[in-house]
PDB file of N, CA and C in Angstrom:
ATOM      1  N   MET A   1       0.510 -48.003   9.180  1.00  0.00           N
ATOM      2  CA  MET A   1      -0.253 -48.467  10.316  1.00  0.00           C
ATOM      3  C   MET A   1       0.286 -49.811  10.779  1.00  0.00           C
ATOM      4  N   ASP A   2       0.291 -50.010  12.053  1.00  0.00           N
ATOM      5  CA  ASP A   2       0.804 -51.242  12.641  1.00  0.00           C
ATOM      6  C   ASP A   2      -0.113 -52.412  12.318  1.00  0.00           C
ATOM      7  N   GLU A   3       0.470 -53.556  11.965  1.00  0.00           N
ATOM      8  CA  GLU A   3      -0.332 -54.726  11.596  1.00  0.00           C
ATOM      9  C   GLU A   3      -1.260 -55.158  12.720  1.00  0.00           C
ATOM     10  N   ARG A   4      -0.812 -55.025  13.967  1.00  0.00           N
ATOM     11  CA  ARG A   4      -1.619 -55.488  15.094  1.00  0.00           C
ATOM     12  C   ARG A   4      -2.951 -54.750  15.195  1.00  0.00           C
ATOM     13  N   CYS A   5      -2.987 -53.507  14.802  1.00  0.00           N
ATOM     14  CA  CYS A   5      -4.217 -52.745  14.978  1.00  0.00           C
ATOM     15  C   CYS A   5      -5.173 -52.891  13.792  1.00  0.00           C
ATOM     16  N   CYS A   6      -4.724 -53.473  12.718  1.00  0.00           N
ATOM     17  CA  CYS A   6      -5.550 -53.556  11.515  1.00  0.00           C
ATOM     18  C   CYS A   6      -6.676 -54.573  11.631  1.00  0.00           C
ATOM     19  N   HIS A   7      -6.555 -55.553  12.495  1.00  0.00           N
ATOM     20  CA  HIS A   7      -7.578 -56.586  12.602  1.00  0.00           C
ATOM     21  C   HIS A   7      -8.485 -56.393  13.812  1.00  0.00           C
ATOM     22  N   LYS A   8      -8.190 -55.417  14.635  1.00  0.00           N
ATOM     23  CA  LYS A   8      -9.003 -55.173  15.820  1.00  0.00           C
ATOM     24  C   LYS A   8      -9.967 -54.023  15.543  1.00  0.00           C
ATOM     25  N   ILE A   9     -11.112 -54.104  16.177  1.00  0.00           N
ATOM     26  CA  ILE A   9     -12.058 -52.995  16.096  1.00  0.00           C
ATOM     27  C   ILE A   9     -12.520 -52.665  17.503  1.00  0.00           C
ATOM     28  N   LYS A  10     -13.105 -51.506  17.665  1.00  0.00           N
ATOM     29  CA  LYS A  10     -13.631 -51.056  18.943  1.00  0.00           C
ATOM     30  C   LYS A  10     -15.056 -50.606  18.715  1.00  0.00           C
ATOM     31  N   LYS A  11     -15.994 -51.294  19.291  1.00  0.00           N
ATOM     32  CA  LYS A  11     -17.388 -50.876  19.217  1.00  0.00           C
ATOM     33  C   LYS A  11     -17.593 -49.731  20.203  1.00  0.00           C
ATOM     34  N   ARG A  12     -17.827 -48.546  19.663  1.00  0.00           N
ATOM     35  CA  ARG A  12     -18.027 -47.366  20.500  1.00  0.00           C
ATOM     36  C   ARG A  12     -19.503 -47.045  20.593  1.00  0.00           C
ATOM     37  N   SER A  13     -19.877 -46.498  21.732  1.00  0.00           N
ATOM     38  CA  SER A  13     -21.243 -46.023  21.864  1.00  0.00           C
ATOM     39  C   SER A  13     -21.408 -44.800  20.970  1.00  0.00           C
ATOM     40  N   GLU A  14     -22.635 -44.480  20.653  1.00  0.00           N
ATOM     41  CA  GLU A  14     -22.882 -43.287  19.828  1.00  0.00           C
ATOM     42  C   GLU A  14     -22.353 -42.043  20.530  1.00  0.00           C
ATOM     43  N   GLU A  15     -22.507 -41.974  21.850  1.00  0.00           N
ATOM     44  CA  GLU A  15     -22.032 -40.808  22.594  1.00  0.00           C
ATOM     45  C   GLU A  15     -20.507 -40.692  22.529  1.00  0.00           C
ATOM     46  N   GLU A  16     -19.812 -41.810  22.728  1.00  0.00           N
ATOM     47  CA  GLU A  16     -18.352 -41.782  22.658  1.00  0.00           C
ATOM     48  C   GLU A  16     -17.893 -41.380  21.263  1.00  0.00           C
ATOM     49  N   ARG A  17     -18.483 -41.974  20.239  1.00  0.00           N
ATOM     50  CA  ARG A  17     -18.122 -41.653  18.855  1.00  0.00           C
ATOM     51  C   ARG A  17     -18.368 -40.171  18.575  1.00  0.00           C
ATOM     52  N   ARG A  18     -19.515 -39.680  19.004  1.00  0.00           N
ATOM     53  CA  ARG A  18     -19.867 -38.273  18.778  1.00  0.00           C
ATOM     54  C   ARG A  18     -18.857 -37.344  19.441  1.00  0.00           C
ATOM     55  N   LYS A  19     -18.504 -37.640  20.695  1.00  0.00           N
ATOM     56  CA  LYS A  19     -17.544 -36.794  21.406  1.00  0.00           C
ATOM     57  C   LYS A  19     -16.185 -36.780  20.720  1.00  0.00           C
ATOM     58  N   LEU A  20     -15.712 -37.953  20.298  1.00  0.00           N
ATOM     59  CA  LEU A  20     -14.407 -38.023  19.640  1.00  0.00           C
ATOM     60  C   LEU A  20     -14.429 -37.301  18.291  1.00  0.00           C
ATOM     61  N   VAL A  21     -15.477 -37.525  17.523  1.00  0.00           N
ATOM     62  CA  VAL A  21     -15.581 -36.873  16.213  1.00  0.00           C
ATOM     63  C   VAL A  21     -15.701 -35.357  16.381  1.00  0.00           C
ATOM     64  N   ASN A  22     -16.439 -34.904  17.376  1.00  0.00           N
ATOM     65  CA  ASN A  22     -16.556 -33.461  17.619  1.00  0.00           C
ATOM     66  C   ASN A  22     -15.196 -32.852  17.954  1.00  0.00           C
ATOM     67  N   ARG A  23     -14.439 -33.545  18.800  1.00  0.00           N
ATOM     68  CA  ARG A  23     -13.094 -33.053  19.134  1.00  0.00           C
ATOM     69  C   ARG A  23     -12.230 -32.959  17.876  1.00  0.00           C
ATOM     70  N   LEU A  24     -12.274 -34.014  17.063  1.00  0.00           N
ATOM     71  CA  LEU A  24     -11.478 -34.012  15.836  1.00  0.00           C
ATOM     72  C   LEU A  24     -11.925 -32.916  14.872  1.00  0.00           C
ATOM     73  N   SER A  25     -13.209 -32.661  14.810  1.00  0.00           N
ATOM     74  CA  SER A  25     -13.707 -31.588  13.932  1.00  0.00           C
ATOM     75  C   SER A  25     -13.193 -30.227  14.393  1.00  0.00           C
ATOM     76  N   ARG A  26     -13.162 -30.013  15.705  1.00  0.00           N
ATOM     77  CA  ARG A  26     -12.628 -28.747  16.224  1.00  0.00           C
ATOM     78  C   ARG A  26     -11.136 -28.631  15.901  1.00  0.00           C
ATOM     79  N   ILE A  27     -10.405 -29.730  16.065  1.00  0.00           N
ATOM     80  CA  ILE A  27      -8.973 -29.717  15.753  1.00  0.00           C
ATOM     81  C   ILE A  27      -8.761 -29.437  14.275  1.00  0.00           C
ATOM     82  N   GLU A  28      -9.570 -30.071  13.439  1.00  0.00           N
ATOM     83  CA  GLU A  28      -9.477 -29.845  11.993  1.00  0.00           C
ATOM     84  C   GLU A  28      -9.697 -28.363  11.674  1.00  0.00           C
ATOM     85  N   GLY A  29     -10.663 -27.747  12.325  1.00  0.00           N
ATOM     86  CA  GLY A  29     -10.913 -26.320  12.124  1.00  0.00           C
ATOM     87  C   GLY A  29      -9.734 -25.473  12.582  1.00  0.00           C
ATOM     88  N   GLN A  30      -9.133 -25.873  13.699  1.00  0.00           N
ATOM     89  CA  GLN A  30      -7.963 -25.142  14.181  1.00  0.00           C
ATOM     90  C   GLN A  30      -6.807 -25.256  13.190  1.00  0.00           C
ATOM     91  N   ILE A  31      -6.602 -26.427  12.632  1.00  0.00           N
ATOM     92  CA  ILE A  31      -5.533 -26.632  11.649  1.00  0.00           C
ATOM     93  C   ILE A  31      -5.773 -25.740  10.425  1.00  0.00           C
ATOM     94  N   ARG A  32      -7.023 -25.699   9.964  1.00  0.00           N
ATOM     95  CA  ARG A  32      -7.331 -24.831   8.822  1.00  0.00           C
ATOM     96  C   ARG A  32      -7.051 -23.374   9.172  1.00  0.00           C
ATOM     97  N   GLY A  33      -7.339 -23.001  10.415  1.00  0.00           N
ATOM     98  CA  GLY A  33      -7.058 -21.639  10.847  1.00  0.00           C
ATOM     99  C   GLY A  33      -5.577 -21.322  10.836  1.00  0.00           C
ATOM    100  N   VAL A  34      -4.764 -22.246  11.301  1.00  0.00           N
ATOM    101  CA  VAL A  34      -3.310 -22.050  11.289  1.00  0.00           C
ATOM    102  C   VAL A  34      -2.805 -21.958   9.847  1.00  0.00           C
ATOM    103  N   ARG A  35      -3.324 -22.832   8.991  1.00  0.00           N
ATOM    104  CA  ARG A  35      -2.930 -22.768   7.577  1.00  0.00           C
ATOM    105  C   ARG A  35      -3.277 -21.396   6.991  1.00  0.00           C
ATOM    106  N   GLY A  36      -4.471 -20.914   7.293  1.00  0.00           N
ATOM    107  CA  GLY A  36      -4.881 -19.595   6.813  1.00  0.00           C
ATOM    108  C   GLY A  36      -3.960 -18.496   7.318  1.00  0.00           C
ATOM    109  N   MET A  37      -3.525 -18.625   8.563  1.00  0.00           N
ATOM    110  CA  MET A  37      -2.604 -17.633   9.111  1.00  0.00           C
ATOM    111  C   MET A  37      -1.289 -17.630   8.323  1.00  0.00           C
ATOM    112  N   VAL A  38      -0.789 -18.818   8.015  1.00  0.00           N
ATOM    113  CA  VAL A  38       0.463 -18.913   7.254  1.00  0.00           C
ATOM    114  C   VAL A  38       0.250 -18.330   5.858  1.00  0.00           C
ATOM    115  N   GLU A  39      -0.860 -18.681   5.226  1.00  0.00           N
ATOM    116  CA  GLU A  39      -1.150 -18.172   3.884  1.00  0.00           C
ATOM    117  C   GLU A  39      -1.293 -16.654   3.869  1.00  0.00           C
ATOM    118  N   GLN A  40      -1.736 -16.078   4.995  1.00  0.00           N
ATOM    119  CA  GLN A  40      -1.905 -14.629   5.089  1.00  0.00           C
ATOM    120  C   GLN A  40      -0.700 -13.930   5.708  1.00  0.00           C
ATOM    121  N   ASP A  41       0.403 -14.675   5.834  1.00  0.00           N
ATOM    122  CA  ASP A  41       1.655 -14.117   6.360  1.00  0.00           C
ATOM    123  C   ASP A  41       1.512 -13.556   7.775  1.00  0.00           C
ATOM    124  N   ALA A  42       0.772 -14.244   8.619  1.00  0.00           N
ATOM    125  CA  ALA A  42       0.635 -13.816  10.009  1.00  0.00           C
ATOM    126  C   ALA A  42       1.992 -13.872  10.705  1.00  0.00           C
ATOM    127  N   TYR A  43       2.121 -13.098  11.730  1.00  0.00           N
ATOM    128  CA  TYR A  43       3.368 -13.021  12.492  1.00  0.00           C
ATOM    129  C   TYR A  43       3.679 -14.373  13.131  1.00  0.00           C
ATOM    130  N   CYS A  44       4.953 -14.730  13.133  1.00  0.00           N
ATOM    131  CA  CYS A  44       5.399 -16.062  13.573  1.00  0.00           C
ATOM    132  C   CYS A  44       4.878 -16.451  14.947  1.00  0.00           C
ATOM    133  N   THR A  45       4.999 -15.549  15.920  1.00  0.00           N
ATOM    134  CA  THR A  45       4.574 -15.922  17.274  1.00  0.00           C
ATOM    135  C   THR A  45       3.072 -16.151  17.345  1.00  0.00           C
ATOM    136  N   ASP A  46       2.312 -15.450  16.526  1.00  0.00           N
ATOM    137  CA  ASP A  46       0.867 -15.674  16.491  1.00  0.00           C
ATOM    138  C   ASP A  46       0.549 -17.068  15.943  1.00  0.00           C
ATOM    139  N   VAL A  47       1.265 -17.460  14.887  1.00  0.00           N
ATOM    140  CA  VAL A  47       1.077 -18.793  14.306  1.00  0.00           C
ATOM    141  C   VAL A  47       1.497 -19.848  15.323  1.00  0.00           C
ATOM    142  N   LEU A  48       2.630 -19.638  15.971  1.00  0.00           N
ATOM    143  CA  LEU A  48       3.109 -20.598  16.968  1.00  0.00           C
ATOM    144  C   LEU A  48       2.134 -20.744  18.129  1.00  0.00           C
ATOM    145  N   THR A  49       1.544 -19.655  18.543  1.00  0.00           N
ATOM    146  CA  THR A  49       0.554 -19.711  19.625  1.00  0.00           C
ATOM    147  C   THR A  49      -0.644 -20.556  19.223  1.00  0.00           C
ATOM    148  N   GLN A  50      -1.110 -20.359  17.999  1.00  0.00           N
ATOM    149  CA  GLN A  50      -2.244 -21.149  17.524  1.00  0.00           C
ATOM    150  C   GLN A  50      -1.857 -22.610  17.314  1.00  0.00           C
ATOM    151  N   ALA A  51      -0.651 -22.857  16.810  1.00  0.00           N
ATOM    152  CA  ALA A  51      -0.181 -24.231  16.641  1.00  0.00           C
ATOM    153  C   ALA A  51      -0.073 -24.928  17.990  1.00  0.00           C
ATOM    154  N   SER A  52       0.334 -24.198  19.003  1.00  0.00           N
ATOM    155  CA  SER A  52       0.407 -24.757  20.352  1.00  0.00           C
ATOM    156  C   SER A  52      -0.984 -25.131  20.860  1.00  0.00           C
ATOM    157  N   ALA A  53      -1.969 -24.326  20.526  1.00  0.00           N
ATOM    158  CA  ALA A  53      -3.354 -24.641  20.915  1.00  0.00           C
ATOM    159  C   ALA A  53      -3.840 -25.902  20.203  1.00  0.00           C
ATOM    160  N   VAL A  54      -3.432 -26.082  18.954  1.00  0.00           N
ATOM    161  CA  VAL A  54      -3.785 -27.298  18.213  1.00  0.00           C
ATOM    162  C   VAL A  54      -3.170 -28.511  18.891  1.00  0.00           C
ATOM    163  N   ARG A  55      -1.895 -28.397  19.249  1.00  0.00           N
ATOM    164  CA  ARG A  55      -1.224 -29.514  19.913  1.00  0.00           C
ATOM    165  C   ARG A  55      -1.912 -29.845  21.231  1.00  0.00           C
ATOM    166  N   ALA A  56      -2.296 -28.837  21.994  1.00  0.00           N
ATOM    167  CA  ALA A  56      -2.983 -29.073  23.268  1.00  0.00           C
ATOM    168  C   ALA A  56      -4.325 -29.770  23.033  1.00  0.00           C
ATOM    169  N   ALA A  57      -5.028 -29.367  21.990  1.00  0.00           N
ATOM    170  CA  ALA A  57      -6.316 -29.999  21.675  1.00  0.00           C
ATOM    171  C   ALA A  57      -6.119 -31.452  21.247  1.00  0.00           C
ATOM    172  N   LEU A  58      -5.088 -31.719  20.464  1.00  0.00           N
ATOM    173  CA  LEU A  58      -4.802 -33.089  20.048  1.00  0.00           C
ATOM    174  C   LEU A  58      -4.368 -33.944  21.240  1.00  0.00           C
ATOM    175  N   ASP A  59      -3.577 -33.357  22.135  1.00  0.00           N
ATOM    176  CA  ASP A  59      -3.193 -34.069  23.360  1.00  0.00           C
ATOM    177  C   ASP A  59      -4.420 -34.421  24.191  1.00  0.00           C
ATOM    178  N   ALA A  60      -5.363 -33.504  24.297  1.00  0.00           N
ATOM    179  CA  ALA A  60      -6.596 -33.760  25.054  1.00  0.00           C
ATOM    180  C   ALA A  60      -7.399 -34.888  24.402  1.00  0.00           C
ATOM    181  N   PHE A  61      -7.464 -34.884  23.070  1.00  0.00           N
ATOM    182  CA  PHE A  61      -8.132 -35.963  22.347  1.00  0.00           C
ATOM    183  C   PHE A  61      -7.470 -37.295  22.659  1.00  0.00           C
ATOM    184  N   MET A  62      -6.146 -37.331  22.603  1.00  0.00           N
ATOM    185  CA  MET A  62      -5.418 -38.571  22.854  1.00  0.00           C
ATOM    186  C   MET A  62      -5.598 -39.044  24.297  1.00  0.00           C
ATOM    187  N   ARG A  63      -5.604 -38.123  25.261  1.00  0.00           N
ATOM    188  CA  ARG A  63      -5.837 -38.509  26.657  1.00  0.00           C
ATOM    189  C   ARG A  63      -7.216 -39.127  26.831  1.00  0.00           C
ATOM    190  N   GLU A  64      -8.209 -38.538  26.204  1.00  0.00           N
ATOM    191  CA  GLU A  64      -9.567 -39.059  26.296  1.00  0.00           C
ATOM    192  C   GLU A  64      -9.661 -40.449  25.671  1.00  0.00           C
ATOM    193  N   LEU A  65      -9.088 -40.609  24.494  1.00  0.00           N
ATOM    194  CA  LEU A  65      -9.112 -41.898  23.815  1.00  0.00           C
ATOM    195  C   LEU A  65      -8.340 -42.951  24.605  1.00  0.00           C
ATOM    196  N   LEU A  66      -7.187 -42.586  25.128  1.00  0.00           N
ATOM    197  CA  LEU A  66      -6.388 -43.518  25.925  1.00  0.00           C
ATOM    198  C   LEU A  66      -7.118 -43.913  27.198  1.00  0.00           C
ATOM    199  N   SER A  67      -7.744 -42.968  27.856  1.00  0.00           N
ATOM    200  CA  SER A  67      -8.502 -43.268  29.074  1.00  0.00           C
ATOM    201  C   SER A  67      -9.614 -44.261  28.798  1.00  0.00           C
ATOM    202  N   GLU A  68     -10.339 -44.025  27.731  1.00  0.00           N
ATOM    203  CA  GLU A  68     -11.429 -44.931  27.367  1.00  0.00           C
ATOM    204  C   GLU A  68     -10.881 -46.301  26.986  1.00  0.00           C
ATOM    205  N   HIS A  69      -9.757 -46.325  26.293  1.00  0.00           N
ATOM    206  CA  HIS A  69      -9.122 -47.592  25.908  1.00  0.00           C
ATOM    207  C   HIS A  69      -8.756 -48.400  27.161  1.00  0.00           C
ATOM    208  N   ILE A  70      -8.172 -47.742  28.139  1.00  0.00           N
ATOM    209  CA  ILE A  70      -7.781 -48.439  29.372  1.00  0.00           C
ATOM    210  C   ILE A  70      -9.014 -48.918  30.127  1.00  0.00           C
ATOM    211  N   ARG A  71     -10.041 -48.058  30.236  1.00  0.00           N
ATOM    212  CA  ARG A  71     -11.262 -48.433  30.966  1.00  0.00           C
ATOM    213  C   ARG A  71     -12.017 -49.587  30.320  1.00  0.00           C
ATOM    214  N   THR A  72     -11.909 -49.720  29.003  1.00  0.00           N
ATOM    215  CA  THR A  72     -12.701 -50.740  28.322  1.00  0.00           C
ATOM    216  C   THR A  72     -11.818 -51.848  27.761  1.00  0.00           C
ATOM    217  N   CYS A  73     -11.136 -51.600  26.674  1.00  0.00           N
ATOM    218  CA  CYS A  73     -10.373 -52.633  25.962  1.00  0.00           C
ATOM    219  C   CYS A  73      -9.343 -53.322  26.854  1.00  0.00           C
ATOM    220  N   VAL A  74      -8.508 -52.536  27.504  1.00  0.00           N
ATOM    221  CA  VAL A  74      -7.431 -53.111  28.313  1.00  0.00           C
ATOM    222  C   VAL A  74      -8.005 -53.873  29.504  1.00  0.00           C
ATOM    223  N   THR A  75      -8.933 -53.260  30.207  1.00  0.00           N
ATOM    224  CA  THR A  75      -9.539 -53.909  31.374  1.00  0.00           C
ATOM    225  C   THR A  75     -10.220 -55.211  30.988  1.00  0.00           C
ATOM    226  N   ASP A  76     -11.014 -55.179  29.932  1.00  0.00           N
ATOM    227  CA  ASP A  76     -11.711 -56.390  29.484  1.00  0.00           C
ATOM    228  C   ASP A  76     -10.732 -57.490  29.092  1.00  0.00           C
ATOM    229  N   ASP A  77      -9.686 -57.115  28.341  1.00  0.00           N
ATOM    230  CA  ASP A  77      -8.699 -58.115  27.909  1.00  0.00           C
ATOM    231  C   ASP A  77      -7.968 -58.723  29.096  1.00  0.00           C
ATOM    232  N   LEU A  78      -7.555 -57.895  30.048  1.00  0.00           N
ATOM    233  CA  LEU A  78      -6.841 -58.433  31.203  1.00  0.00           C
ATOM    234  C   LEU A  78      -7.737 -59.345  32.040  1.00  0.00           C
ATOM    235  N   ARG A  79      -8.984 -58.966  32.194  1.00  0.00           N
ATOM    236  CA  ARG A  79      -9.921 -59.821  32.938  1.00  0.00           C
ATOM    237  C   ARG A  79     -10.130 -61.167  32.258  1.00  0.00           C
ATOM    238  N   SER A  80     -10.018 -61.189  30.934  1.00  0.00           N
ATOM    239  CA  SER A  80     -10.216 -62.448  30.215  1.00  0.00           C
ATOM    240  C   SER A  80      -8.894 -63.198  29.989  1.00  0.00           C
ATOM    241  N   GLY A  81      -7.816 -62.721  30.641  1.00  0.00           N
ATOM    242  CA  GLY A  81      -6.554 -63.441  30.588  1.00  0.00           C
ATOM    243  C   GLY A  81      -5.633 -63.074  29.448  1.00  0.00           C
ATOM    244  N   LYS A  82      -5.944 -62.052  28.695  1.00  0.00           N
ATOM    245  CA  LYS A  82      -5.094 -61.648  27.567  1.00  0.00           C
ATOM    246  C   LYS A  82      -3.995 -60.707  28.077  1.00  0.00           C
ATOM    247  N   GLU A  83      -2.976 -61.316  28.670  1.00  0.00           N
ATOM    248  CA  GLU A  83      -1.888 -60.550  29.281  1.00  0.00           C
ATOM    249  C   GLU A  83      -1.095 -59.736  28.264  1.00  0.00           C
ATOM    250  N   GLU A  84      -1.100 -60.136  26.985  1.00  0.00           N
ATOM    251  CA  GLU A  84      -0.338 -59.408  25.964  1.00  0.00           C
ATOM    252  C   GLU A  84      -0.861 -57.988  25.772  1.00  0.00           C
ATOM    253  N   THR A  85      -2.085 -57.739  26.211  1.00  0.00           N
ATOM    254  CA  THR A  85      -2.655 -56.393  26.091  1.00  0.00           C
ATOM    255  C   THR A  85      -1.872 -55.397  26.941  1.00  0.00           C
ATOM    256  N   ALA A  86      -1.342 -55.831  28.067  1.00  0.00           N
ATOM    257  CA  ALA A  86      -0.533 -54.942  28.901  1.00  0.00           C
ATOM    258  C   ALA A  86       0.718 -54.511  28.136  1.00  0.00           C
ATOM    259  N   GLU A  87       1.374 -55.449  27.469  1.00  0.00           N
ATOM    260  CA  GLU A  87       2.556 -55.119  26.673  1.00  0.00           C
ATOM    261  C   GLU A  87       2.198 -54.184  25.522  1.00  0.00           C
ATOM    262  N   GLU A  88       1.068 -54.450  24.900  1.00  0.00           N
ATOM    263  CA  GLU A  88       0.613 -53.593  23.794  1.00  0.00           C
ATOM    264  C   GLU A  88       0.412 -52.166  24.294  1.00  0.00           C
ATOM    265  N   LEU A  89      -0.181 -52.012  25.485  1.00  0.00           N
ATOM    266  CA  LEU A  89      -0.403 -50.700  26.060  1.00  0.00           C
ATOM    267  C   LEU A  89       0.929 -50.009  26.361  1.00  0.00           C
ATOM    268  N   ILE A  90       1.869 -50.753  26.903  1.00  0.00           N
ATOM    269  CA  ILE A  90       3.190 -50.185  27.194  1.00  0.00           C
ATOM    270  C   ILE A  90       3.854 -49.686  25.921  1.00  0.00           C
ATOM    271  N   GLU A  91       3.792 -50.493  24.856  1.00  0.00           N
ATOM    272  CA  GLU A  91       4.392 -50.085  23.579  1.00  0.00           C
ATOM    273  C   GLU A  91       3.686 -48.856  23.008  1.00  0.00           C
ATOM    274  N   THR A  92       2.387 -48.802  23.152  1.00  0.00           N
ATOM    275  CA  THR A  92       1.631 -47.633  22.691  1.00  0.00           C
ATOM    276  C   THR A  92       2.061 -46.393  23.446  1.00  0.00           C
ATOM    277  N   LEU A  93       2.188 -46.500  24.763  1.00  0.00           N
ATOM    278  CA  LEU A  93       2.612 -45.357  25.573  1.00  0.00           C
ATOM    279  C   LEU A  93       4.021 -44.917  25.203  1.00  0.00           C
ATOM    280  N   LYS A  94       4.899 -45.861  24.929  1.00  0.00           N
ATOM    281  CA  LYS A  94       6.267 -45.505  24.506  1.00  0.00           C
ATOM    282  C   LYS A  94       6.242 -44.693  23.220  1.00  0.00           C
ATOM    283  N   ARG A  95       5.391 -45.104  22.258  1.00  0.00           N
ATOM    284  CA  ARG A  95       5.320 -44.364  20.996  1.00  0.00           C
ATOM    285  C   ARG A  95       4.736 -42.969  21.194  1.00  0.00           C
ATOM    286  N   MET A  96       3.853 -42.845  22.167  1.00  0.00           N
ATOM    287  CA  MET A  96       3.214 -41.557  22.407  1.00  0.00           C
ATOM    288  C   MET A  96       4.159 -40.555  23.092  1.00  0.00           C
ATOM    289  N   MET A  97       5.136 -41.067  23.805  1.00  0.00           N
ATOM    290  CA  MET A  97       6.005 -40.174  24.601  1.00  0.00           C
ATOM    291  C   MET A  97       7.215 -39.742  23.823  1.00  0.00           C
TER     292      MET A  97
END
């Protein structure tokens, strides 16, 4: 984990936390399903199709989290003069791509 993120926290509303955790729980279930398919010797294209669905679900989770981060953390920091937050966001986007 990056040192910069270890000292920061994000106070999330109960609704935001619930939505993110629910998404992660669904992804976790999908991962278990893919593992089960591999353990049961499912056909490769079937496993790949399900793995692709997992990736799409994780991408959706990341888009939601990134959107909320920009709407709250980044906006608040920039308004308070913390220009380094823009660079941090750029570096985060580079790692994501």
